Protein backbone atom coordinates (compact mmCIF):
# COMPACT_ATOMS: atom_id res chain seq x y z
CA MET A 1 31.14 25.32 -35.13
CA SER A 2 27.73 26.79 -35.87
CA ALA A 3 24.52 24.85 -36.18
CA GLU A 4 24.53 25.47 -39.94
CA GLU A 5 27.64 23.24 -40.27
CA VAL A 6 26.32 20.28 -38.26
CA PRO A 7 25.98 17.04 -40.27
CA GLU A 8 22.79 15.12 -39.49
CA VAL A 9 22.93 11.66 -37.87
CA PRO A 10 21.32 8.87 -39.93
CA ALA A 11 18.44 7.37 -37.95
CA GLY A 12 19.08 3.97 -36.43
CA GLU A 13 22.88 4.13 -36.33
CA GLY A 14 25.04 4.14 -33.26
CA VAL A 15 24.51 0.58 -31.95
CA ASP A 16 27.00 -0.04 -29.15
CA ARG A 17 27.94 -2.98 -26.95
CA SER A 18 30.11 -3.44 -23.87
CA ASP A 19 33.43 -5.22 -24.33
CA GLY A 20 33.24 -7.04 -21.02
CA GLU A 21 34.04 -6.52 -17.37
CA GLY A 22 37.65 -5.43 -17.95
CA GLU A 23 36.66 -2.69 -20.36
CA ALA A 24 33.85 -1.62 -18.03
CA ALA A 25 36.29 -1.33 -15.15
CA ARG A 26 38.65 0.79 -17.25
CA ARG A 27 36.01 3.25 -18.38
CA LEU A 28 34.68 3.66 -14.83
CA GLU A 29 38.07 4.09 -13.20
CA GLY A 30 37.92 7.11 -10.93
CA TRP A 31 34.18 7.62 -11.50
CA GLU A 32 31.98 8.28 -8.49
CA GLN A 33 28.22 8.30 -8.77
CA PRO A 34 26.72 11.67 -7.83
CA TYR A 35 24.24 11.68 -4.97
CA THR A 36 21.74 13.92 -6.78
CA PHE A 37 21.04 15.52 -10.13
CA GLU A 38 18.42 18.17 -10.76
CA PRO A 39 16.93 18.25 -14.28
CA ASP A 40 14.69 21.24 -15.04
CA ALA A 41 13.28 20.05 -18.36
CA THR A 42 12.16 16.92 -20.18
CA ALA A 43 12.29 15.84 -23.81
CA ALA A 44 8.57 16.54 -24.14
CA SER A 45 8.69 19.96 -22.46
CA ILE A 46 11.53 21.08 -24.74
CA ALA A 47 9.63 19.91 -27.82
CA ALA A 48 6.45 21.64 -26.62
CA ALA A 49 8.28 24.92 -25.97
CA HIS A 50 9.97 24.92 -29.37
CA PRO A 51 7.60 23.43 -31.95
CA ASP A 52 8.60 25.51 -34.99
CA LEU A 53 12.27 26.47 -34.75
CA GLU A 54 13.94 27.16 -38.06
CA PRO A 55 16.96 24.99 -39.00
CA GLY A 56 20.22 26.29 -37.60
CA THR A 57 18.60 28.24 -34.73
CA GLU A 58 20.42 28.91 -31.47
CA THR A 59 17.82 29.89 -28.85
CA GLY A 60 20.07 31.04 -26.01
CA GLU A 61 17.87 28.97 -23.65
CA ARG A 62 19.77 26.66 -21.32
CA VAL A 63 18.19 23.46 -19.99
CA THR A 64 19.24 20.54 -17.82
CA ILE A 65 17.91 17.10 -18.71
CA ALA A 66 18.57 13.50 -17.67
CA GLY A 67 17.85 10.04 -19.05
CA ARG A 68 19.35 7.10 -20.88
CA LEU A 69 21.59 7.36 -23.93
CA MET A 70 19.76 5.28 -26.54
CA LEU A 71 21.75 6.14 -29.69
CA ARG A 72 25.27 7.54 -30.05
CA ARG A 73 27.53 8.28 -33.00
CA VAL A 74 30.90 10.02 -33.29
CA GLN A 75 31.85 11.76 -36.55
CA GLY A 76 35.31 13.19 -36.17
CA LYS A 77 35.05 16.29 -34.01
CA LEU A 78 31.30 15.90 -33.53
CA ALA A 79 29.27 13.46 -31.51
CA PHE A 80 25.53 12.93 -31.53
CA GLY A 81 23.30 11.06 -29.12
CA THR A 82 19.66 10.40 -28.43
CA LEU A 83 18.62 10.96 -24.83
CA ALA A 84 15.45 9.17 -23.70
CA ASP A 85 13.49 10.06 -20.59
CA ARG A 86 10.01 9.11 -19.39
CA THR A 87 8.41 11.63 -21.77
CA GLY A 88 10.21 10.91 -25.04
CA ARG A 89 13.52 11.43 -26.84
CA ILE A 90 15.65 14.36 -27.86
CA GLN A 91 18.92 14.66 -29.77
CA LEU A 92 22.18 15.65 -28.09
CA PHE A 93 24.73 17.66 -30.11
CA ALA A 94 28.29 17.49 -28.79
CA PRO A 95 31.04 19.44 -30.62
CA ALA A 96 34.58 18.55 -29.53
CA ALA A 97 35.50 22.22 -29.18
CA THR A 98 32.98 22.91 -26.41
CA THR A 99 32.05 19.53 -24.93
CA PRO A 100 33.90 18.73 -21.70
CA ASP A 101 35.74 15.38 -21.92
CA PHE A 102 34.65 14.91 -25.52
CA GLU A 103 36.50 11.59 -25.70
CA GLY A 104 34.68 10.27 -22.63
CA PHE A 105 31.34 11.35 -24.10
CA GLY A 106 32.16 9.46 -27.28
CA GLU A 107 32.88 6.31 -25.27
CA LEU A 108 29.53 6.25 -23.48
CA HIS A 109 27.54 3.04 -23.90
CA LEU A 110 23.98 2.58 -24.97
CA GLY A 111 21.80 2.52 -21.89
CA ASP A 112 24.08 4.72 -19.76
CA TRP A 113 22.18 7.18 -17.58
CA ILE A 114 23.56 10.68 -18.13
CA GLY A 115 22.73 14.24 -17.15
CA VAL A 116 23.26 17.05 -19.66
CA SER A 117 23.12 20.84 -19.49
CA GLY A 118 23.27 23.02 -22.55
CA GLU A 119 21.57 25.31 -25.04
CA VAL A 120 18.42 24.37 -26.96
CA MET A 121 19.10 24.59 -30.68
CA THR A 122 18.30 23.07 -34.05
CA THR A 123 20.76 21.48 -36.44
CA ARG A 124 21.23 22.51 -40.04
CA ARG A 125 18.53 20.03 -41.01
CA GLY A 126 16.14 21.26 -38.34
CA GLU A 127 16.59 18.55 -35.68
CA LEU A 128 15.69 19.94 -32.26
CA SER A 129 18.72 19.32 -30.01
CA VAL A 130 20.44 20.17 -26.76
CA ARG A 131 24.08 21.18 -27.13
CA VAL A 132 26.23 19.35 -24.60
CA ASP A 133 27.89 22.14 -22.61
CA GLU A 134 28.11 19.98 -19.47
CA TRP A 135 27.48 16.28 -18.90
CA VAL A 136 27.81 13.73 -16.13
CA LEU A 137 27.52 9.95 -16.00
CA LEU A 138 24.74 9.12 -13.54
CA ALA A 139 24.78 5.30 -13.83
CA PRO A 140 26.55 3.02 -16.29
CA ALA A 141 24.83 0.20 -18.14
CA ARG A 142 27.04 -2.73 -17.20
CA ARG A 143 25.13 -5.13 -19.46
CA PRO A 144 24.69 -4.82 -23.23
CA PHE A 145 21.61 -2.68 -23.85
CA PRO A 146 19.28 -3.35 -26.80
CA ASP A 147 19.02 -0.39 -29.14
CA LYS A 148 15.75 1.35 -30.00
CA TRP A 149 15.67 0.06 -33.56
CA HIS A 150 16.20 -3.64 -32.92
CA GLY A 151 14.40 -3.92 -29.59
CA ILE A 152 13.93 -7.27 -27.80
CA SER A 153 12.93 -10.14 -30.07
CA ASP A 154 12.65 -12.69 -27.23
CA GLN A 155 9.14 -12.25 -25.77
CA ASP A 156 10.00 -14.09 -22.57
CA MET A 157 12.90 -11.68 -22.01
CA ARG A 158 10.51 -8.74 -22.48
CA PHE A 159 8.34 -9.92 -19.59
CA ARG A 160 11.20 -10.95 -17.30
CA GLN A 161 13.26 -7.82 -17.95
CA ARG A 162 10.50 -5.23 -18.17
CA TYR A 163 12.99 -2.64 -16.88
CA VAL A 164 14.76 -2.98 -20.24
CA ASP A 165 11.66 -3.53 -22.37
CA LEU A 166 10.18 -0.20 -21.29
CA TRP A 167 13.15 1.65 -22.78
CA VAL A 168 13.30 -0.07 -26.14
CA THR A 169 9.66 -0.98 -26.88
CA ASP A 170 7.61 2.13 -27.50
CA GLU A 171 4.36 0.13 -27.51
CA ALA A 172 5.07 -1.09 -23.97
CA ARG A 173 5.58 2.44 -22.65
CA ARG A 174 2.39 3.63 -24.35
CA THR A 175 0.38 0.69 -23.01
CA PHE A 176 1.43 1.23 -19.40
CA ALA A 177 0.89 4.98 -19.68
CA LEU A 178 -2.62 4.19 -20.93
CA ARG A 179 -3.15 1.77 -18.05
CA SER A 180 -2.30 4.52 -15.59
CA GLN A 181 -4.80 6.82 -17.31
CA VAL A 182 -7.49 4.12 -17.21
CA LEU A 183 -7.12 3.85 -13.43
CA SER A 184 -7.05 7.61 -12.91
CA LEU A 185 -10.06 8.28 -15.15
CA THR A 186 -12.01 5.39 -13.63
CA ARG A 187 -11.52 6.71 -10.11
CA ARG A 188 -12.65 10.17 -11.20
CA PHE A 189 -15.68 8.71 -13.03
CA MET A 190 -16.76 6.78 -9.93
CA GLU A 191 -16.16 9.65 -7.52
CA ASP A 192 -18.12 12.04 -9.76
CA ARG A 193 -21.10 9.68 -9.32
CA GLY A 194 -20.89 9.70 -5.55
CA TYR A 195 -18.91 6.48 -4.97
CA VAL A 196 -16.42 6.35 -2.10
CA GLU A 197 -13.15 4.48 -2.65
CA VAL A 198 -12.30 2.06 0.16
CA GLU A 199 -9.72 -0.58 1.00
CA THR A 200 -10.62 -4.04 2.26
CA PRO A 201 -8.43 -6.92 3.51
CA VAL A 202 -6.19 -8.91 1.21
CA PHE A 203 -5.93 -11.73 3.78
CA HIS A 204 -9.27 -13.53 4.19
CA PRO A 205 -10.05 -16.12 6.87
CA ILE A 206 -12.53 -17.72 4.43
CA PRO A 207 -12.16 -17.50 0.64
CA GLY A 208 -15.28 -16.07 -0.96
CA GLY A 209 -16.82 -13.61 -3.36
CA ALA A 210 -16.16 -15.64 -6.50
CA LEU A 211 -15.86 -19.21 -7.75
CA ALA A 212 -12.10 -19.73 -7.83
CA ALA A 213 -9.33 -21.64 -6.09
CA PRO A 214 -7.44 -19.48 -3.55
CA PHE A 215 -3.80 -19.17 -2.56
CA THR A 216 -3.20 -20.24 1.03
CA THR A 217 -0.71 -18.78 3.50
CA HIS A 218 -0.15 -19.03 7.26
CA HIS A 219 -0.01 -16.37 9.95
CA ASN A 220 2.52 -17.48 12.54
CA ALA A 221 1.48 -15.27 15.47
CA LEU A 222 -2.20 -16.26 15.22
CA ASP A 223 -1.35 -19.79 14.04
CA VAL A 224 -4.11 -19.71 11.44
CA ASP A 225 -4.29 -20.30 7.73
CA LEU A 226 -5.34 -17.31 5.67
CA PHE A 227 -6.25 -16.94 1.99
CA LEU A 228 -5.24 -14.26 -0.48
CA ARG A 229 -8.49 -12.70 -1.59
CA ILE A 230 -10.12 -13.97 -4.77
CA ALA A 231 -12.52 -11.00 -4.65
CA PRO A 232 -13.30 -8.14 -2.24
CA GLU A 233 -17.07 -8.60 -2.71
CA LEU A 234 -18.20 -9.83 0.70
CA TYR A 235 -16.28 -7.12 2.56
CA LEU A 236 -17.61 -4.39 0.28
CA LYS A 237 -21.17 -5.56 0.89
CA ARG A 238 -20.47 -5.52 4.63
CA LEU A 239 -19.73 -1.82 4.14
CA VAL A 240 -23.10 -1.30 2.46
CA VAL A 241 -24.67 -2.91 5.52
CA GLY A 242 -22.60 -0.39 7.51
CA GLY A 243 -24.11 2.58 5.67
CA PHE A 244 -21.67 3.21 2.79
CA ASP A 245 -24.33 3.15 0.12
CA LYS A 246 -21.93 3.65 -2.81
CA VAL A 247 -18.47 2.07 -2.53
CA PHE A 248 -15.77 0.92 -4.91
CA GLU A 249 -12.31 -0.59 -4.70
CA VAL A 250 -9.53 -1.00 -7.24
CA ALA A 251 -8.37 -4.31 -5.84
CA ARG A 252 -5.46 -6.63 -6.48
CA VAL A 253 -6.90 -10.16 -6.35
CA PHE A 254 -5.36 -13.63 -6.52
CA ARG A 255 -6.65 -16.85 -8.05
CA ASN A 256 -4.80 -20.14 -8.07
CA GLU A 257 -5.72 -21.03 -11.62
CA GLY A 258 -4.12 -21.51 -15.01
CA ILE A 259 -2.07 -18.99 -16.95
CA SER A 260 -3.17 -17.99 -20.44
CA THR A 261 -3.32 -14.98 -22.74
CA ARG A 262 -6.23 -13.74 -20.60
CA HIS A 263 -5.26 -14.98 -17.13
CA ASN A 264 -2.57 -14.07 -14.65
CA PRO A 265 -2.74 -15.48 -11.10
CA GLU A 266 -2.78 -11.95 -9.68
CA PHE A 267 -4.72 -9.23 -11.43
CA THR A 268 -6.64 -6.01 -10.84
CA MET A 269 -10.38 -5.60 -10.51
CA LEU A 270 -12.73 -2.69 -10.13
CA GLU A 271 -15.50 -3.74 -7.74
CA ALA A 272 -18.41 -1.42 -6.99
CA TYR A 273 -21.61 -1.69 -4.95
CA GLU A 274 -24.60 0.62 -4.82
CA ALA A 275 -27.56 0.47 -2.46
CA TYR A 276 -31.14 0.80 -3.68
CA GLY A 277 -30.43 -0.34 -7.27
CA ASP A 278 -30.76 -3.52 -9.33
CA TYR A 279 -28.66 -5.03 -12.13
CA HIS A 280 -30.02 -2.56 -14.70
CA VAL A 281 -28.29 0.26 -12.77
CA HIS A 282 -24.85 -1.30 -13.11
CA MET A 283 -25.33 -2.33 -16.72
CA ALA A 284 -25.84 1.37 -17.43
CA LEU A 285 -22.81 2.27 -15.27
CA THR A 286 -20.62 -0.27 -17.09
CA GLU A 287 -21.43 0.84 -20.62
CA GLU A 288 -21.14 4.51 -19.69
CA LEU A 289 -17.73 3.97 -18.03
CA VAL A 290 -16.25 1.99 -20.92
CA ALA A 291 -17.57 4.40 -23.56
CA HIS A 292 -16.22 7.33 -21.50
CA LEU A 293 -12.75 5.75 -21.23
CA ALA A 294 -12.65 4.99 -24.96
CA GLU A 295 -13.63 8.56 -25.84
CA GLU A 296 -11.11 10.09 -23.42
CA LEU A 297 -8.19 7.84 -24.35
CA THR A 298 -8.68 7.23 -28.07
CA GLY A 299 -10.89 10.13 -29.14
CA SER A 300 -13.72 7.85 -30.22
CA THR A 301 -16.14 5.26 -28.86
CA THR A 302 -15.15 3.01 -31.79
CA VAL A 303 -11.83 1.25 -31.20
CA THR A 304 -9.90 -1.29 -33.23
CA TYR A 305 -9.11 -4.66 -31.70
CA ASP A 306 -7.20 -7.39 -33.51
CA GLY A 307 -7.91 -5.73 -36.86
CA ARG A 308 -11.68 -5.32 -36.31
CA ASP A 309 -13.72 -2.34 -35.19
CA VAL A 310 -15.58 -2.46 -31.89
CA ASP A 311 -18.36 0.08 -31.30
CA LEU A 312 -18.46 0.81 -27.56
CA SER A 313 -21.08 3.54 -27.77
CA VAL A 314 -24.13 3.39 -25.51
CA PRO A 315 -26.44 1.43 -25.40
CA TRP A 316 -25.07 -2.11 -25.58
CA ARG A 317 -27.17 -5.10 -26.59
CA ARG A 318 -28.94 -7.02 -23.82
CA ALA A 319 -29.94 -10.68 -24.28
CA SER A 320 -30.52 -13.62 -21.96
CA LEU A 321 -28.04 -16.46 -21.64
CA ALA A 322 -30.73 -18.94 -22.66
CA GLU A 323 -31.71 -16.89 -25.71
CA LEU A 324 -28.13 -16.55 -26.96
CA THR A 325 -27.29 -20.22 -26.37
CA SER A 326 -30.49 -21.30 -28.12
CA GLU A 327 -29.38 -19.36 -31.20
CA GLN A 328 -26.13 -21.32 -31.30
CA VAL A 329 -27.45 -24.83 -30.64
CA GLY A 330 -30.39 -24.41 -33.01
CA GLU A 331 -33.29 -25.05 -30.63
CA PRO A 332 -34.93 -23.33 -27.67
CA ILE A 333 -33.29 -24.35 -24.38
CA SER A 334 -33.38 -23.01 -20.83
CA VAL A 335 -32.99 -24.09 -17.21
CA HIS A 336 -36.40 -25.74 -17.66
CA THR A 337 -35.22 -28.00 -20.51
CA PRO A 338 -35.18 -31.68 -19.41
CA LEU A 339 -31.86 -32.74 -17.94
CA GLU A 340 -31.38 -35.58 -20.43
CA ARG A 341 -31.81 -33.24 -23.42
CA LEU A 342 -29.23 -30.82 -22.03
CA ARG A 343 -26.80 -33.72 -21.54
CA GLU A 344 -27.41 -34.84 -25.14
CA LEU A 345 -26.67 -31.33 -26.40
CA CYS A 346 -23.49 -31.22 -24.33
CA ASP A 347 -22.38 -34.50 -25.91
CA LEU A 348 -23.29 -33.19 -29.37
CA HIS A 349 -21.17 -30.06 -28.90
CA GLY A 350 -18.24 -31.73 -27.13
CA VAL A 351 -18.98 -30.22 -23.70
CA PRO A 352 -17.82 -32.41 -20.77
CA TRP A 353 -20.29 -32.82 -17.91
CA LYS A 354 -20.64 -34.58 -14.59
CA ASP A 355 -23.56 -36.42 -13.02
CA SER A 356 -23.69 -33.71 -10.33
CA TYR A 357 -24.42 -30.97 -12.89
CA GLY A 358 -28.00 -29.72 -12.79
CA PRO A 359 -29.78 -27.97 -15.69
CA GLY A 360 -28.31 -24.59 -14.79
CA LYS A 361 -24.72 -25.82 -14.80
CA LEU A 362 -25.24 -27.73 -18.07
CA LEU A 363 -26.76 -24.64 -19.68
CA LEU A 364 -23.79 -22.50 -18.57
CA GLU A 365 -21.30 -25.06 -19.88
CA LEU A 366 -23.08 -25.07 -23.27
CA TYR A 367 -23.07 -21.27 -23.38
CA GLU A 368 -19.36 -21.00 -22.59
CA LYS A 369 -18.41 -23.59 -25.21
CA THR A 370 -20.72 -22.54 -28.06
CA THR A 371 -21.69 -18.92 -27.57
CA GLU A 372 -19.48 -16.59 -25.53
CA HIS A 373 -16.62 -16.44 -28.05
CA THR A 374 -19.02 -15.44 -30.85
CA LEU A 375 -20.12 -12.19 -29.15
CA TRP A 376 -17.82 -9.59 -30.72
CA ASP A 377 -19.85 -6.43 -30.23
CA PRO A 378 -20.55 -5.35 -26.63
CA THR A 379 -23.33 -7.52 -25.23
CA PHE A 380 -24.83 -7.83 -21.77
CA VAL A 381 -25.60 -11.52 -21.27
CA VAL A 382 -28.31 -11.51 -18.59
CA ASP A 383 -30.38 -13.84 -16.41
CA TYR A 384 -28.04 -16.65 -15.37
CA PRO A 385 -29.08 -19.92 -13.70
CA ALA A 386 -29.33 -19.67 -9.93
CA GLU A 387 -27.36 -22.92 -9.67
CA VAL A 388 -24.15 -21.20 -10.81
CA SER A 389 -24.68 -17.82 -9.12
CA PRO A 390 -24.48 -18.27 -5.34
CA LEU A 391 -24.36 -14.56 -4.47
CA SER A 392 -27.01 -13.22 -6.87
CA ARG A 393 -30.63 -12.36 -6.11
CA ARG A 394 -33.27 -14.60 -7.63
CA HIS A 395 -34.98 -13.26 -10.72
CA ARG A 396 -38.27 -11.50 -10.05
CA ASP A 397 -39.97 -13.49 -12.85
CA ASP A 398 -38.30 -16.93 -12.54
CA PRO A 399 -36.83 -18.32 -9.29
CA GLU A 400 -34.59 -20.73 -11.23
CA LEU A 401 -32.71 -17.71 -12.58
CA VAL A 402 -30.89 -14.78 -10.99
CA GLU A 403 -30.63 -11.13 -11.96
CA ARG A 404 -27.05 -11.34 -13.13
CA PHE A 405 -25.19 -9.96 -16.14
CA GLU A 406 -21.84 -10.39 -17.78
CA ALA A 407 -20.51 -7.84 -20.25
CA ILE A 408 -18.93 -9.64 -23.21
CA VAL A 409 -16.76 -7.68 -25.66
CA VAL A 410 -14.66 -9.19 -28.48
CA GLY A 411 -15.72 -12.63 -27.30
CA ARG A 412 -14.34 -12.14 -23.79
CA GLU A 413 -15.89 -11.46 -20.43
CA LEU A 414 -15.17 -7.91 -19.32
CA CYS A 415 -17.22 -7.76 -16.14
CA ASN A 416 -19.72 -9.61 -13.99
CA GLY A 417 -22.51 -8.01 -11.98
CA PHE A 418 -25.85 -8.72 -10.37
CA SER A 419 -28.64 -7.67 -8.11
CA GLU A 420 -27.22 -8.78 -4.78
CA LEU A 421 -28.70 -11.57 -2.71
CA THR A 422 -29.95 -9.87 0.46
CA ASP A 423 -31.92 -12.67 2.14
CA PRO A 424 -29.70 -14.31 4.83
CA ASP A 425 -31.75 -17.53 4.81
CA ASP A 426 -31.46 -17.92 1.02
CA GLN A 427 -27.76 -17.03 1.22
CA ARG A 428 -27.19 -19.68 3.94
CA GLU A 429 -28.81 -22.36 1.78
CA ARG A 430 -26.65 -21.45 -1.19
CA PHE A 431 -23.49 -21.35 0.92
CA GLU A 432 -24.33 -24.81 2.25
CA ASP A 433 -24.92 -26.09 -1.28
CA GLN A 434 -21.52 -24.65 -2.28
CA ALA A 435 -19.91 -26.28 0.75
CA ALA A 436 -21.36 -29.64 -0.31
CA GLN A 437 -19.85 -29.15 -3.77
CA LYS A 438 -16.49 -28.31 -2.19
CA ALA A 439 -16.69 -31.46 -0.05
CA ALA A 440 -17.38 -33.41 -3.25
CA GLY A 441 -14.11 -32.16 -4.75
CA ASP A 442 -14.89 -28.77 -6.35
CA GLU A 443 -12.00 -26.65 -5.06
CA GLU A 444 -13.50 -23.48 -6.60
CA ALA A 445 -16.77 -23.75 -4.65
CA MET A 446 -17.36 -21.37 -1.74
CA ALA A 447 -17.33 -22.08 1.97
CA VAL A 448 -19.93 -20.93 4.49
CA ASP A 449 -19.03 -17.41 5.65
CA ARG A 450 -20.90 -17.13 8.93
CA ASP A 451 -19.81 -13.57 9.67
CA TYR A 452 -21.16 -12.44 6.30
CA LEU A 453 -24.46 -14.17 7.10
CA ARG A 454 -24.50 -12.31 10.41
CA ALA A 455 -23.98 -9.03 8.53
CA LEU A 456 -26.94 -9.84 6.27
CA GLU A 457 -29.08 -10.45 9.35
CA TYR A 458 -28.56 -6.78 10.26
CA GLY A 459 -30.16 -5.92 6.93
CA LEU A 460 -28.79 -5.30 3.41
CA PRO A 461 -31.04 -3.01 1.34
CA PRO A 462 -31.65 -3.70 -2.36
CA THR A 463 -28.11 -3.54 -3.74
CA VAL A 464 -26.34 -3.99 -7.07
CA GLY A 465 -22.68 -4.82 -7.58
CA LEU A 466 -20.16 -5.43 -10.33
CA GLY A 467 -16.61 -6.63 -10.79
CA MET A 468 -14.67 -5.50 -13.86
CA GLY A 469 -11.29 -6.82 -14.96
CA VAL A 470 -9.01 -3.80 -15.32
CA ASP A 471 -6.37 -5.79 -17.20
CA ARG A 472 -8.86 -6.93 -19.83
CA LEU A 473 -10.21 -3.40 -20.13
CA VAL A 474 -6.69 -2.12 -20.83
CA MET A 475 -6.19 -4.93 -23.35
CA LEU A 476 -9.33 -3.81 -25.17
CA LEU A 477 -8.43 -0.11 -25.23
CA SER A 478 -4.78 -0.68 -26.18
CA ASP A 479 -5.46 -3.38 -28.81
CA THR A 480 -3.31 -5.86 -26.89
CA GLN A 481 -3.74 -9.61 -27.37
CA THR A 482 -2.15 -10.97 -24.22
CA ILE A 483 -2.55 -10.01 -20.57
CA ARG A 484 1.23 -10.16 -20.11
CA ASP A 485 1.54 -7.02 -22.22
CA VAL A 486 -0.64 -5.03 -19.80
CA VAL A 487 0.79 -6.37 -16.51
CA LEU A 488 4.16 -4.84 -15.69
CA PHE A 489 5.56 -7.97 -14.06
CA PRO A 490 3.45 -11.01 -15.04
CA THR A 491 3.78 -14.34 -13.26
CA LEU A 492 6.21 -16.64 -15.09
CA ARG A 493 7.85 -20.00 -14.59
CA PRO A 494 11.13 -19.89 -12.64
CA GLU A 495 13.81 -18.75 -15.03
CA GLN A 496 15.83 -21.57 -16.58
CA SER A 497 18.18 -21.59 -19.52
CA GLY A 498 16.23 -22.69 -22.57
CA SER A 499 12.94 -22.77 -20.64
CA PRO A 500 10.00 -22.99 -23.02
CA GLU A 501 7.26 -20.41 -23.03
CA GLU A 502 4.50 -21.10 -20.52
CA PRO A 503 1.69 -23.09 -22.11
CA SER A 504 -1.77 -21.63 -22.29
CA SER A 505 -4.43 -22.98 -19.99
CA PRO A 506 -8.11 -23.23 -20.75
CA GLU A 507 -10.40 -20.38 -19.69
CA PRO A 508 -11.48 -20.99 -16.09
CA PRO A 509 -15.28 -21.09 -16.03
CA GLY A 510 -16.93 -18.10 -14.45
CA SER A 511 -13.70 -16.11 -14.20
CA ASP A 512 -14.42 -12.39 -14.19
CA GLY A 513 -11.26 -10.52 -14.83
CA GLY A 514 -7.84 -12.09 -14.43
């Protein structure tokens, strides 16, 4: 039969389901899985090589492709299928007269892995296809496979069975392809600016580098407790002491905190440190990187998030934490505002506080409750209280503040950075203050890292650092509302029949990426 006589397959038809273990055993009787298969083309490469074929064209070009069968329909002596691979989808055209084991091809199930060799052609209606001259079953789908058109309606199933979701949810495949590009482009951006990528330990003898509760494990041979890193910061700054004046790490980090649409207990951060600079240097680096990624991946520095435009072009607004919070509470406040007035404002705005909170902590709590979520357009919130910034250098104009910034976009923290504290005596005092808070019950407070203090005593030059949440960056660029949609295998409750969706947890204060 010629291509001119081929009837077209209506889109969306061909839903198939397994009839159970007995039927599966029958159809696989005598089948042996091949050890190898060697495709020489993909769906995308075939489409790129033949963009404008006329309907009913037989090219004479033979290709070998492999993937999953996502749609299949038999019409008398003709069968049609849609083969999906990592690059896209292409139609299969299988006439009974020339297709080996035509009956077996017609009994394939949705989700079966198959390999096909045949001629590239177009149907009478112009559908680019591969004629099935040879085919082989590479792996059967022994469970019912969702079809492309209906997908997976159960969100929990999508996250638990990502290996299925990636085949039937086009948005998921696009999001994770974009995530890969974000990481690749980020590495190139950093390397082009002279940064060296390094790897630092995941097991830490002392948790540090951020205010967060760690995960604890035990090393049997050394008989010591170790902590999964909550940040690579202190090790990266050790490397600056060691002469690596520009370093970065794309680091998997772990924080024993709540799960929400913006938080997963393990997540990915970009951390970077540069000698001889201050926090202005890394504010410029941050806005340039994000604008560059938006331009490269979306074609514009203006992206859409949750139905609203976000202009990521350089420069971003810069405003102090005190200034922004004052705008929201309706009166000028700062770390120098009397403690009682700050407590009154916290009560007025429903912000819980403790007797141990000083003016800096009260000001931060007010900011996080009243202000952060209102900052839609990219904003660098600068000049944080020293009380809540144990690793930041004191501000050159006000010792009660530090030279710290957070980049807020669409009401969410994207990154945290600061001029680094280089004075070992000042750092020791702040570590000891954190240790006192930990002893008083604050499990997110830091411990005294004596080896890091020793490193500082060898001399840390003026240095700036930042930590950026890669997951949140991907969420922004892919217009994704939950972190679970940008993490391939998010942390979930143990699977139970009828288990409810995990509840959201409040935003952990000071969290910078997960």
